[in-house]
Each structure stands twice: as C-alpha cells, then as structure tokens.
Amino acid sequence: MSDFFKDVIEVVKLIPKGKVTSYGMIANYLGAKKSSRVVGWALNKVSQNSKIPAHRVVNRNGFLTGKNNFPTQNYMKDELQKEGLNIKADSVVDFNNQLWDPIKELTI
C-alpha cells in the first residue's frame, strides 16, 4: 500500500460520526488536489473493513457514489442514517451542514 493510500486512511479514521467529507477534500488536504479518484481507489481497498469509516466519504455534491464497494447496496446509507444523517435518493440531505473539511479541522 502506498504512503498516499495510508494517509487517506488515516484522514478517514478522523471523520467524526454524523459528518461526511468528499474525496476531493481529502485529496486537497493531502496536497494532491487533483487526486480525488485516487482517494476513491484507496477507499475501495478498505471499504469492507468496518474499522475504517469509509462510508463517511461522498462525492463533492453529497452523493453516495462509493456505495457499490461495500458489503451491501444499502450499507453506506444505513450506516450514515445510524449516525443521524438524512439520506434521500442516495444523497446527503443538507450536505453543506453535514460537511467536515479536514483543511479546517486538522493540521498536517
């Protein structure tokens, strides 16, 4: 596993319950602004690991684009709803108020 993949996982572990972030925000935080797809690839490798809250990472518009990489089709939605988020049509309702931006919340 590359250092970038490991860094992605470490950031994802810090996302608080009841919050979401985007692939692009993680990439930007790690200094690789145009690498949101690589963040997705890193998470594809760990989405089956329940200790890593990959379900809290969505696309830049709040859509659950990674849902096909989890154990079931509704896993991502179910986990986010357990954490208090409202999900409709595979999208986080009130996305901007549920957003956790690592640049604002963390220091490298």
PDB file of N, CA and C in Angstrom:
ATOM      1  N   MET A   1       0.850  -1.184   0.000  1.00  0.00           N
ATOM      2  CA  MET A   1       0.000   0.000   0.000  1.00  0.00           C
ATOM      3  C   MET A   1       0.894   1.244   0.000  1.00  0.00           C
ATOM      4  N   SER A   2       0.570   2.194  -0.860  1.00  0.00           N
ATOM      5  CA  SER A   2       1.391   3.411  -0.966  1.00  0.00           C
ATOM      6  C   SER A   2       1.196   4.306   0.252  1.00  0.00           C
ATOM      7  N   ASP A   3       2.143   5.215   0.441  1.00  0.00           N
ATOM      8  CA  ASP A   3       2.038   6.176   1.538  1.00  0.00           C
ATOM      9  C   ASP A   3       0.794   7.037   1.381  1.00  0.00           C
ATOM     10  N   PHE A   4       0.461   7.413   0.131  1.00  0.00           N
ATOM     11  CA  PHE A   4      -0.731   8.225  -0.102  1.00  0.00           C
ATOM     12  C   PHE A   4      -1.976   7.469   0.355  1.00  0.00           C
ATOM     13  N   PHE A   5      -2.086   6.193   0.007  1.00  0.00           N
ATOM     14  CA  PHE A   5      -3.232   5.383   0.427  1.00  0.00           C
ATOM     15  C   PHE A   5      -3.305   5.332   1.955  1.00  0.00           C
ATOM     16  N   LYS A   6      -2.160   5.150   2.598  1.00  0.00           N
ATOM     17  CA  LYS A   6      -2.119   5.107   4.070  1.00  0.00           C
ATOM     18  C   LYS A   6      -2.566   6.445   4.654  1.00  0.00           C
ATOM     19  N   ASP A   7      -2.129   7.540   4.056  1.00  0.00           N
ATOM     20  CA  ASP A   7      -2.532   8.873   4.524  1.00  0.00           C
ATOM     21  C   ASP A   7      -4.036   9.075   4.367  1.00  0.00           C
ATOM     22  N   VAL A   8      -4.590   8.624   3.254  1.00  0.00           N
ATOM     23  CA  VAL A   8      -6.035   8.716   3.036  1.00  0.00           C
ATOM     24  C   VAL A   8      -6.760   7.994   4.171  1.00  0.00           C
ATOM     25  N   ILE A   9      -6.342   6.800   4.471  1.00  0.00           N
ATOM     26  CA  ILE A   9      -6.992   6.002   5.512  1.00  0.00           C
ATOM     27  C   ILE A   9      -6.903   6.701   6.862  1.00  0.00           C
ATOM     28  N   GLU A  10      -5.748   7.289   7.170  1.00  0.00           N
ATOM     29  CA  GLU A  10      -5.592   7.991   8.454  1.00  0.00           C
ATOM     30  C   GLU A  10      -6.540   9.189   8.547  1.00  0.00           C
ATOM     31  N   VAL A  11      -6.727   9.920   7.457  1.00  0.00           N
ATOM     32  CA  VAL A  11      -7.675  11.044   7.456  1.00  0.00           C
ATOM     33  C   VAL A  11      -9.099  10.530   7.634  1.00  0.00           C
ATOM     34  N   VAL A  12      -9.457   9.482   6.925  1.00  0.00           N
ATOM     35  CA  VAL A  12     -10.818   8.939   7.006  1.00  0.00           C
ATOM     36  C   VAL A  12     -11.134   8.478   8.430  1.00  0.00           C
ATOM     37  N   LYS A  13     -10.166   7.935   9.124  1.00  0.00           N
ATOM     38  CA  LYS A  13     -10.379   7.499  10.512  1.00  0.00           C
ATOM     39  C   LYS A  13     -10.751   8.663  11.437  1.00  0.00           C
ATOM     40  N   LEU A  14     -10.418   9.887  11.026  1.00  0.00           N
ATOM     41  CA  LEU A  14     -10.657  11.072  11.857  1.00  0.00           C
ATOM     42  C   LEU A  14     -12.009  11.747  11.600  1.00  0.00           C
ATOM     43  N   ILE A  15     -12.726  11.317  10.579  1.00  0.00           N
ATOM     44  CA  ILE A  15     -14.025  11.932  10.276  1.00  0.00           C
ATOM     45  C   ILE A  15     -14.981  11.601  11.423  1.00  0.00           C
ATOM     46  N   PRO A  16     -15.548  12.611  12.062  1.00  0.00           N
ATOM     47  CA  PRO A  16     -16.443  12.347  13.195  1.00  0.00           C
ATOM     48  C   PRO A  16     -17.745  11.660  12.781  1.00  0.00           C
ATOM     49  N   LYS A  17     -18.306  10.895  13.696  1.00  0.00           N
ATOM     50  CA  LYS A  17     -19.622  10.300  13.462  1.00  0.00           C
ATOM     51  C   LYS A  17     -20.612  11.417  13.172  1.00  0.00           C
ATOM     52  N   GLY A  18     -21.501  11.165  12.228  1.00  0.00           N
ATOM     53  CA  GLY A  18     -22.524  12.147  11.890  1.00  0.00           C
ATOM     54  C   GLY A  18     -22.060  13.220  10.925  1.00  0.00           C
ATOM     55  N   LYS A  19     -20.857  13.077  10.408  1.00  0.00           N
ATOM     56  CA  LYS A  19     -20.313  14.026   9.435  1.00  0.00           C
ATOM     57  C   LYS A  19     -19.840  13.265   8.201  1.00  0.00           C
ATOM     58  N   VAL A  20     -19.716  13.967   7.097  1.00  0.00           N
ATOM     59  CA  VAL A  20     -19.173  13.401   5.862  1.00  0.00           C
ATOM     60  C   VAL A  20     -18.151  14.361   5.290  1.00  0.00           C
ATOM     61  N   THR A  21     -17.310  13.838   4.439  1.00  0.00           N
ATOM     62  CA  THR A  21     -16.374  14.662   3.685  1.00  0.00           C
ATOM     63  C   THR A  21     -16.350  14.124   2.260  1.00  0.00           C
ATOM     64  N   SER A  22     -15.631  14.806   1.400  1.00  0.00           N
ATOM     65  CA  SER A  22     -15.582  14.365  -0.001  1.00  0.00           C
ATOM     66  C   SER A  22     -14.197  13.838  -0.350  1.00  0.00           C
ATOM     67  N   TYR A  23     -14.159  13.072  -1.424  1.00  0.00           N
ATOM     68  CA  TYR A  23     -12.889  12.559  -1.936  1.00  0.00           C
ATOM     69  C   TYR A  23     -11.937  13.719  -2.225  1.00  0.00           C
ATOM     70  N   GLY A  24     -12.480  14.768  -2.843  1.00  0.00           N
ATOM     71  CA  GLY A  24     -11.668  15.920  -3.205  1.00  0.00           C
ATOM     72  C   GLY A  24     -11.120  16.671  -2.012  1.00  0.00           C
ATOM     73  N   MET A  25     -11.900  16.781  -0.958  1.00  0.00           N
ATOM     74  CA  MET A  25     -11.411  17.473   0.246  1.00  0.00           C
ATOM     75  C   MET A  25     -10.260  16.709   0.887  1.00  0.00           C
ATOM     76  N   ILE A  26     -10.346  15.390   0.869  1.00  0.00           N
ATOM     77  CA  ILE A  26      -9.246  14.586   1.412  1.00  0.00           C
ATOM     78  C   ILE A  26      -8.011  14.766   0.532  1.00  0.00           C
ATOM     79  N   ALA A  27      -8.182  14.681  -0.775  1.00  0.00           N
ATOM     80  CA  ALA A  27      -7.055  14.863  -1.694  1.00  0.00           C
ATOM     81  C   ALA A  27      -6.418  16.240  -1.500  1.00  0.00           C
ATOM     82  N   ASN A  28      -7.231  17.268  -1.412  1.00  0.00           N
ATOM     83  CA  ASN A  28      -6.735  18.629  -1.219  1.00  0.00           C
ATOM     84  C   ASN A  28      -5.961  18.740   0.092  1.00  0.00           C
ATOM     85  N   TYR A  29      -6.504  18.172   1.149  1.00  0.00           N
ATOM     86  CA  TYR A  29      -5.827  18.197   2.451  1.00  0.00           C
ATOM     87  C   TYR A  29      -4.450  17.546   2.376  1.00  0.00           C
ATOM     88  N   LEU A  30      -4.360  16.472   1.588  1.00  0.00           N
ATOM     89  CA  LEU A  30      -3.096  15.744   1.482  1.00  0.00           C
ATOM     90  C   LEU A  30      -2.154  16.347   0.442  1.00  0.00           C
ATOM     91  N   GLY A  31      -2.523  17.505  -0.108  1.00  0.00           N
ATOM     92  CA  GLY A  31      -1.649  18.202  -1.042  1.00  0.00           C
ATOM     93  C   GLY A  31      -1.683  17.666  -2.454  1.00  0.00           C
ATOM     94  N   ALA A  32      -2.744  16.929  -2.776  1.00  0.00           N
ATOM     95  CA  ALA A  32      -2.874  16.344  -4.112  1.00  0.00           C
ATOM     96  C   ALA A  32      -4.255  16.683  -4.655  1.00  0.00           C
ATOM     97  N   LYS A  33      -4.500  17.961  -4.821  1.00  0.00           N
ATOM     98  CA  LYS A  33      -5.821  18.489  -5.137  1.00  0.00           C
ATOM     99  C   LYS A  33      -6.541  17.761  -6.270  1.00  0.00           C
ATOM    100  N   LYS A  34      -5.826  17.311  -7.273  1.00  0.00           N
ATOM    101  CA  LYS A  34      -6.461  16.672  -8.433  1.00  0.00           C
ATOM    102  C   LYS A  34      -6.503  15.145  -8.319  1.00  0.00           C
ATOM    103  N   SER A  35      -6.375  14.626  -7.113  1.00  0.00           N
ATOM    104  CA  SER A  35      -6.294  13.177  -6.927  1.00  0.00           C
ATOM    105  C   SER A  35      -7.503  12.579  -6.215  1.00  0.00           C
ATOM    106  N   SER A  36      -8.671  13.177  -6.406  1.00  0.00           N
ATOM    107  CA  SER A  36      -9.857  12.644  -5.728  1.00  0.00           C
ATOM    108  C   SER A  36     -10.156  11.211  -6.159  1.00  0.00           C
ATOM    109  N   ARG A  37      -9.903  10.876  -7.415  1.00  0.00           N
ATOM    110  CA  ARG A  37     -10.127   9.489  -7.860  1.00  0.00           C
ATOM    111  C   ARG A  37      -9.189   8.517  -7.154  1.00  0.00           C
ATOM    112  N   VAL A  38      -7.974   8.958  -6.896  1.00  0.00           N
ATOM    113  CA  VAL A  38      -7.022   8.099  -6.189  1.00  0.00           C
ATOM    114  C   VAL A  38      -7.493   7.867  -4.750  1.00  0.00           C
ATOM    115  N   VAL A  39      -8.093   8.884  -4.149  1.00  0.00           N
ATOM    116  CA  VAL A  39      -8.686   8.721  -2.819  1.00  0.00           C
ATOM    117  C   VAL A  39      -9.764   7.632  -2.887  1.00  0.00           C
ATOM    118  N   GLY A  40     -10.578   7.679  -3.917  1.00  0.00           N
ATOM    119  CA  GLY A  40     -11.604   6.654  -4.106  1.00  0.00           C
ATOM    120  C   GLY A  40     -11.011   5.271  -4.243  1.00  0.00           C
ATOM    121  N   TRP A  41      -9.936   5.155  -4.992  1.00  0.00           N
ATOM    122  CA  TRP A  41      -9.275   3.851  -5.159  1.00  0.00           C
ATOM    123  C   TRP A  41      -8.749   3.337  -3.827  1.00  0.00           C
ATOM    124  N   ALA A  42      -8.188   4.248  -3.034  1.00  0.00           N
ATOM    125  CA  ALA A  42      -7.687   3.845  -1.716  1.00  0.00           C
ATOM    126  C   ALA A  42      -8.829   3.312  -0.856  1.00  0.00           C
ATOM    127  N   LEU A  43      -9.962   3.983  -0.923  1.00  0.00           N
ATOM    128  CA  LEU A  43     -11.098   3.565  -0.101  1.00  0.00           C
ATOM    129  C   LEU A  43     -11.744   2.285  -0.617  1.00  0.00           C
ATOM    130  N   ASN A  44     -11.668   2.032  -1.918  1.00  0.00           N
ATOM    131  CA  ASN A  44     -12.185   0.775  -2.460  1.00  0.00           C
ATOM    132  C   ASN A  44     -11.487  -0.412  -1.809  1.00  0.00           C
ATOM    133  N   LYS A  45     -10.226  -0.239  -1.482  1.00  0.00           N
ATOM    134  CA  LYS A  45      -9.433  -1.319  -0.891  1.00  0.00           C
ATOM    135  C   LYS A  45      -9.821  -1.595   0.562  1.00  0.00           C
ATOM    136  N   VAL A  46     -10.440  -0.617   1.225  1.00  0.00           N
ATOM    137  CA  VAL A  46     -10.723  -0.783   2.660  1.00  0.00           C
ATOM    138  C   VAL A  46     -12.204  -0.699   3.013  1.00  0.00           C
ATOM    139  N   SER A  47     -13.072  -0.564   2.029  1.00  0.00           N
ATOM    140  CA  SER A  47     -14.497  -0.365   2.315  1.00  0.00           C
ATOM    141  C   SER A  47     -15.126  -1.556   3.029  1.00  0.00           C
ATOM    142  N   GLN A  48     -14.511  -2.718   2.976  1.00  0.00           N
ATOM    143  CA  GLN A  48     -15.018  -3.902   3.674  1.00  0.00           C
ATOM    144  C   GLN A  48     -14.540  -3.945   5.129  1.00  0.00           C
ATOM    145  N   ASN A  49     -13.633  -3.046   5.504  1.00  0.00           N
ATOM    146  CA  ASN A  49     -13.066  -3.020   6.852  1.00  0.00           C
ATOM    147  C   ASN A  49     -13.895  -2.075   7.722  1.00  0.00           C
ATOM    148  N   SER A  50     -14.648  -2.630   8.660  1.00  0.00           N
ATOM    149  CA  SER A  50     -15.564  -1.819   9.470  1.00  0.00           C
ATOM    150  C   SER A  50     -14.852  -0.860  10.424  1.00  0.00           C
ATOM    151  N   LYS A  51     -13.549  -1.021  10.613  1.00  0.00           N
ATOM    152  CA  LYS A  51     -12.809  -0.118  11.495  1.00  0.00           C
ATOM    153  C   LYS A  51     -12.449   1.197  10.802  1.00  0.00           C
ATOM    154  N   ILE A  52     -12.623   1.237   9.497  1.00  0.00           N
ATOM    155  CA  ILE A  52     -12.329   2.446   8.727  1.00  0.00           C
ATOM    156  C   ILE A  52     -13.652   2.979   8.186  1.00  0.00           C
ATOM    157  N   PRO A  53     -14.088   4.152   8.664  1.00  0.00           N
ATOM    158  CA  PRO A  53     -15.415   4.662   8.293  1.00  0.00           C
ATOM    159  C   PRO A  53     -15.483   5.255   6.882  1.00  0.00           C
ATOM    160  N   ALA A  54     -15.156   4.428   5.901  1.00  0.00           N
ATOM    161  CA  ALA A  54     -15.167   4.877   4.503  1.00  0.00           C
ATOM    162  C   ALA A  54     -16.559   5.305   4.057  1.00  0.00           C
ATOM    163  N   HIS A  55     -17.592   4.856   4.764  1.00  0.00           N
ATOM    164  CA  HIS A  55     -18.965   5.249   4.404  1.00  0.00           C
ATOM    165  C   HIS A  55     -19.196   6.742   4.591  1.00  0.00           C
ATOM    166  N   ARG A  56     -18.305   7.420   5.285  1.00  0.00           N
ATOM    167  CA  ARG A  56     -18.437   8.862   5.523  1.00  0.00           C
ATOM    168  C   ARG A  56     -17.826   9.713   4.414  1.00  0.00           C
ATOM    169  N   VAL A  57     -17.362   9.081   3.349  1.00  0.00           N
ATOM    170  CA  VAL A  57     -16.769   9.823   2.231  1.00  0.00           C
ATOM    171  C   VAL A  57     -17.715   9.731   1.036  1.00  0.00           C
ATOM    172  N   VAL A  58     -18.111  10.895   0.552  1.00  0.00           N
ATOM    173  CA  VAL A  58     -19.074  11.006  -0.547  1.00  0.00           C
ATOM    174  C   VAL A  58     -18.481  11.889  -1.647  1.00  0.00           C
ATOM    175  N   ASN A  59     -19.198  12.038  -2.732  1.00  0.00           N
ATOM    176  CA  ASN A  59     -18.649  12.909  -3.782  1.00  0.00           C
ATOM    177  C   ASN A  59     -18.884  14.379  -3.422  1.00  0.00           C
ATOM    178  N   ARG A  60     -18.415  15.268  -4.251  1.00  0.00           N
ATOM    179  CA  ARG A  60     -18.446  16.710  -3.937  1.00  0.00           C
ATOM    180  C   ARG A  60     -19.840  17.299  -3.850  1.00  0.00           C
ATOM    181  N   ASN A  61     -20.831  16.553  -4.315  1.00  0.00           N
ATOM    182  CA  ASN A  61     -22.219  17.008  -4.229  1.00  0.00           C
ATOM    183  C   ASN A  61     -23.018  16.275  -3.154  1.00  0.00           C
ATOM    184  N   GLY A  62     -22.360  15.403  -2.423  1.00  0.00           N
ATOM    185  CA  GLY A  62     -23.034  14.675  -1.347  1.00  0.00           C
ATOM    186  C   GLY A  62     -23.648  13.355  -1.757  1.00  0.00           C
ATOM    187  N   PHE A  63     -23.358  12.885  -2.973  1.00  0.00           N
ATOM    188  CA  PHE A  63     -23.913  11.614  -3.436  1.00  0.00           C
ATOM    189  C   PHE A  63     -23.080  10.437  -2.924  1.00  0.00           C
ATOM    190  N   LEU A  64     -23.738   9.335  -2.647  1.00  0.00           N
ATOM    191  CA  LEU A  64     -23.093   8.128  -2.145  1.00  0.00           C
ATOM    192  C   LEU A  64     -22.514   7.323  -3.313  1.00  0.00           C
ATOM    193  N   THR A  65     -21.547   7.885  -3.983  1.00  0.00           N
ATOM    194  CA  THR A  65     -21.006   7.265  -5.192  1.00  0.00           C
ATOM    195  C   THR A  65     -20.197   6.004  -4.914  1.00  0.00           C
ATOM    196  N   GLY A  66     -19.739   5.807  -3.693  1.00  0.00           N
ATOM    197  CA  GLY A  66     -18.943   4.621  -3.378  1.00  0.00           C
ATOM    198  C   GLY A  66     -19.750   3.445  -2.884  1.00  0.00           C
ATOM    199  N   LYS A  67     -21.060   3.545  -2.918  1.00  0.00           N
ATOM    200  CA  LYS A  67     -21.918   2.530  -2.288  1.00  0.00           C
ATOM    201  C   LYS A  67     -21.738   1.121  -2.834  1.00  0.00           C
ATOM    202  N   ASN A  68     -21.303   0.981  -4.073  1.00  0.00           N
ATOM    203  CA  ASN A  68     -21.140  -0.345  -4.668  1.00  0.00           C
ATOM    204  C   ASN A  68     -19.919  -1.098  -4.143  1.00  0.00           C
ATOM    205  N   ASN A  69     -19.089  -0.430  -3.363  1.00  0.00           N
ATOM    206  CA  ASN A  69     -17.873  -1.060  -2.837  1.00  0.00           C
ATOM    207  C   ASN A  69     -18.035  -1.594  -1.417  1.00  0.00           C
ATOM    208  N   PHE A  70     -19.235  -1.542  -0.893  1.00  0.00           N
ATOM    209  CA  PHE A  70     -19.499  -2.007   0.461  1.00  0.00           C
ATOM    210  C   PHE A  70     -20.184  -3.373   0.440  1.00  0.00           C
ATOM    211  N   PRO A  71     -20.286  -4.014   1.604  1.00  0.00           N
ATOM    212  CA  PRO A  71     -20.847  -5.371   1.651  1.00  0.00           C
ATOM    213  C   PRO A  71     -22.253  -5.503   1.052  1.00  0.00           C
ATOM    214  N   THR A  72     -23.080  -4.468   1.212  1.00  0.00           N
ATOM    215  CA  THR A  72     -24.422  -4.490   0.622  1.00  0.00           C
ATOM    216  C   THR A  72     -24.685  -3.157  -0.066  1.00  0.00           C
ATOM    217  N   GLN A  73     -25.670  -3.136  -0.928  1.00  0.00           N
ATOM    218  CA  GLN A  73     -26.023  -1.931  -1.688  1.00  0.00           C
ATOM    219  C   GLN A  73     -26.431  -0.777  -0.769  1.00  0.00           C
ATOM    220  N   ASN A  74     -27.056  -1.086   0.377  1.00  0.00           N
ATOM    221  CA  ASN A  74     -27.537  -0.039   1.280  1.00  0.00           C
ATOM    222  C   ASN A  74     -26.637   0.202   2.485  1.00  0.00           C
ATOM    223  N   TYR A  75     -25.491  -0.453   2.538  1.00  0.00           N
ATOM    224  CA  TYR A  75     -24.611  -0.333   3.710  1.00  0.00           C
ATOM    225  C   TYR A  75     -24.252   1.112   4.011  1.00  0.00           C
ATOM    226  N   MET A  76     -23.805   1.834   3.019  1.00  0.00           N
ATOM    227  CA  MET A  76     -23.366   3.219   3.203  1.00  0.00           C
ATOM    228  C   MET A  76     -24.523   4.071   3.739  1.00  0.00           C
ATOM    229  N   LYS A  77     -25.656   3.965   3.091  1.00  0.00           N
ATOM    230  CA  LYS A  77     -26.849   4.710   3.509  1.00  0.00           C
ATOM    231  C   LYS A  77     -27.250   4.334   4.935  1.00  0.00           C
ATOM    232  N   ASP A  78     -27.307   3.046   5.217  1.00  0.00           N
ATOM    233  CA  ASP A  78     -27.715   2.575   6.546  1.00  0.00           C
ATOM    234  C   ASP A  78     -26.779   3.088   7.638  1.00  0.00           C
ATOM    235  N   GLU A  79     -25.478   3.019   7.386  1.00  0.00           N
ATOM    236  CA  GLU A  79     -24.503   3.478   8.387  1.00  0.00           C
ATOM    237  C   GLU A  79     -24.617   4.981   8.629  1.00  0.00           C
ATOM    238  N   LEU A  80     -24.776   5.752   7.567  1.00  0.00           N
ATOM    239  CA  LEU A  80     -24.919   7.198   7.729  1.00  0.00           C
ATOM    240  C   LEU A  80     -26.217   7.545   8.453  1.00  0.00           C
ATOM    241  N   GLN A  81     -27.284   6.825   8.170  1.00  0.00           N
ATOM    242  CA  GLN A  81     -28.550   7.074   8.868  1.00  0.00           C
ATOM    243  C   GLN A  81     -28.435   6.711  10.350  1.00  0.00           C
ATOM    244  N   LYS A  82     -27.708   5.652  10.679  1.00  0.00           N
ATOM    245  CA  LYS A  82     -27.471   5.291  12.093  1.00  0.00           C
ATOM    246  C   LYS A  82     -26.763   6.421  12.820  1.00  0.00           C
ATOM    247  N   GLU A  83     -25.952   7.189  12.080  1.00  0.00           N
ATOM    248  CA  GLU A  83     -25.200   8.299  12.663  1.00  0.00           C
ATOM    249  C   GLU A  83     -25.998   9.600  12.669  1.00  0.00           C
ATOM    250  N   GLY A  84     -27.252   9.543  12.219  1.00  0.00           N
ATOM    251  CA  GLY A  84     -28.120  10.707  12.293  1.00  0.00           C
ATOM    252  C   GLY A  84     -28.244  11.524  11.025  1.00  0.00           C
ATOM    253  N   LEU A  85     -27.604  11.099   9.949  1.00  0.00           N
ATOM    254  CA  LEU A  85     -27.722  11.845   8.698  1.00  0.00           C
ATOM    255  C   LEU A  85     -28.974  11.409   7.949  1.00  0.00           C
ATOM    256  N   ASN A  86     -29.564  12.349   7.259  1.00  0.00           N
ATOM    257  CA  ASN A  86     -30.737  12.077   6.435  1.00  0.00           C
ATOM    258  C   ASN A  86     -30.250  11.854   5.005  1.00  0.00           C
ATOM    259  N   ILE A  87     -30.623  10.700   4.445  1.00  0.00           N
ATOM    260  CA  ILE A  87     -30.211  10.347   3.083  1.00  0.00           C
ATOM    261  C   ILE A  87     -31.461  10.170   2.237  1.00  0.00           C
ATOM    262  N   LYS A  88     -31.513  10.868   1.110  1.00  0.00           N
ATOM    263  CA  LYS A  88     -32.618  10.724   0.152  1.00  0.00           C
ATOM    264  C   LYS A  88     -32.032  10.581  -1.241  1.00  0.00           C
ATOM    265  N   ALA A  89     -32.541   9.628  -1.995  1.00  0.00           N
ATOM    266  CA  ALA A  89     -32.091   9.392  -3.372  1.00  0.00           C
ATOM    267  C   ALA A  89     -30.565   9.276  -3.445  1.00  0.00           C
ATOM    268  N   ASP A  90     -29.994   8.512  -2.493  1.00  0.00           N
ATOM    269  CA  ASP A  90     -28.542   8.294  -2.428  1.00  0.00           C
ATOM    270  C   ASP A  90     -27.742   9.587  -2.304  1.00  0.00           C
ATOM    271  N   SER A  91     -28.293  10.561  -1.606  1.00  0.00           N
ATOM    272  CA  SER A  91     -27.622  11.838  -1.409  1.00  0.00           C
ATOM    273  C   SER A  91     -27.815  12.317   0.027  1.00  0.00           C
ATOM    274  N   VAL A  92     -26.797  12.971   0.580  1.00  0.00           N
ATOM    275  CA  VAL A  92     -26.878  13.521   1.930  1.00  0.00           C
ATOM    276  C   VAL A  92     -27.727  14.783   1.890  1.00  0.00           C
ATOM    277  N   VAL A  93     -28.826  14.765   2.652  1.00  0.00           N
ATOM    278  CA  VAL A  93     -29.702  15.930   2.755  1.00  0.00           C
ATOM    279  C   VAL A  93     -28.980  16.980   3.602  1.00  0.00           C
ATOM    280  N   ASP A  94     -29.085  18.235   3.210  1.00  0.00           N
ATOM    281  CA  ASP A  94     -28.425  19.338   3.916  1.00  0.00           C
ATOM    282  C   ASP A  94     -26.913  19.112   3.977  1.00  0.00           C
ATOM    283  N   PHE A  95     -26.374  18.703   2.846  1.00  0.00           N
ATOM    284  CA  PHE A  95     -24.967  18.314   2.721  1.00  0.00           C
ATOM    285  C   PHE A  95     -24.003  19.327   3.317  1.00  0.00           C
ATOM    286  N   ASN A  96     -24.180  20.598   3.004  1.00  0.00           N
ATOM    287  CA  ASN A  96     -23.227  21.614   3.469  1.00  0.00           C
ATOM    288  C   ASN A  96     -23.149  21.709   4.989  1.00  0.00           C
ATOM    289  N   ASN A  97     -24.240  21.428   5.687  1.00  0.00           N
ATOM    290  CA  ASN A  97     -24.220  21.468   7.153  1.00  0.00           C
ATOM    291  C   ASN A  97     -23.701  20.180   7.772  1.00  0.00           C
ATOM    292  N   GLN A  98     -23.569  19.140   6.976  1.00  0.00           N
ATOM    293  CA  GLN A  98     -23.050  17.857   7.467  1.00  0.00           C
ATOM    294  C   GLN A  98     -21.579  17.664   7.101  1.00  0.00           C
ATOM    295  N   LEU A  99     -21.033  18.623   6.386  1.00  0.00           N
ATOM    296  CA  LEU A  99     -19.696  18.505   5.806  1.00  0.00           C
ATOM    297  C   LEU A  99     -18.592  18.757   6.825  1.00  0.00           C
ATOM    298  N   TRP A 100     -17.609  17.892   6.797  1.00  0.00           N
ATOM    299  CA  TRP A 100     -16.398  18.002   7.610  1.00  0.00           C
ATOM    300  C   TRP A 100     -15.235  18.217   6.661  1.00  0.00           C
ATOM    301  N   ASP A 101     -14.583  19.361   6.770  1.00  0.00           N
ATOM    302  CA  ASP A 101     -13.472  19.703   5.882  1.00  0.00           C
ATOM    303  C   ASP A 101     -12.163  19.530   6.645  1.00  0.00           C
ATOM    304  N   PRO A 102     -11.346  18.541   6.265  1.00  0.00           N
ATOM    305  CA  PRO A 102     -10.103  18.309   7.007  1.00  0.00           C
ATOM    306  C   PRO A 102      -9.155  19.508   7.017  1.00  0.00           C
ATOM    307  N   ILE A 103      -9.206  20.342   5.995  1.00  0.00           N
ATOM    308  CA  ILE A 103      -8.332  21.527   5.984  1.00  0.00           C
ATOM    309  C   ILE A 103      -8.694  22.463   7.133  1.00  0.00           C
ATOM    310  N   LYS A 104      -9.972  22.565   7.441  1.00  0.00           N
ATOM    311  CA  LYS A 104     -10.425  23.435   8.520  1.00  0.00           C
ATOM    312  C   LYS A 104     -10.308  22.761   9.889  1.00  0.00           C
ATOM    313  N   GLU A 105     -10.415  21.440   9.900  1.00  0.00           N
ATOM    314  CA  GLU A 105     -10.476  20.690  11.160  1.00  0.00           C
ATOM    315  C   GLU A 105      -9.157  20.113  11.643  1.00  0.00           C
ATOM    316  N   LEU A 106      -8.214  19.918  10.732  1.00  0.00           N
ATOM    317  CA  LEU A 106      -6.946  19.263  11.071  1.00  0.00           C
ATOM    318  C   LEU A 106      -5.763  20.121  10.677  1.00  0.00           C
ATOM    319  N   THR A 107      -4.642  19.839  11.269  1.00  0.00           N
ATOM    320  CA  THR A 107      -3.382  20.431  10.824  1.00  0.00           C
ATOM    321  C   THR A 107      -2.460  19.275  10.473  1.00  0.00           C
ATOM    322  N   ILE A 108      -1.729  19.442   9.395  1.00  0.00           N
ATOM    323  CA  ILE A 108      -0.805  18.369   8.948  1.00  0.00           C
ATOM    324  C   ILE A 108       0.349  18.257   9.912  1.00  0.00           C
TER     325      ILE A 108
END
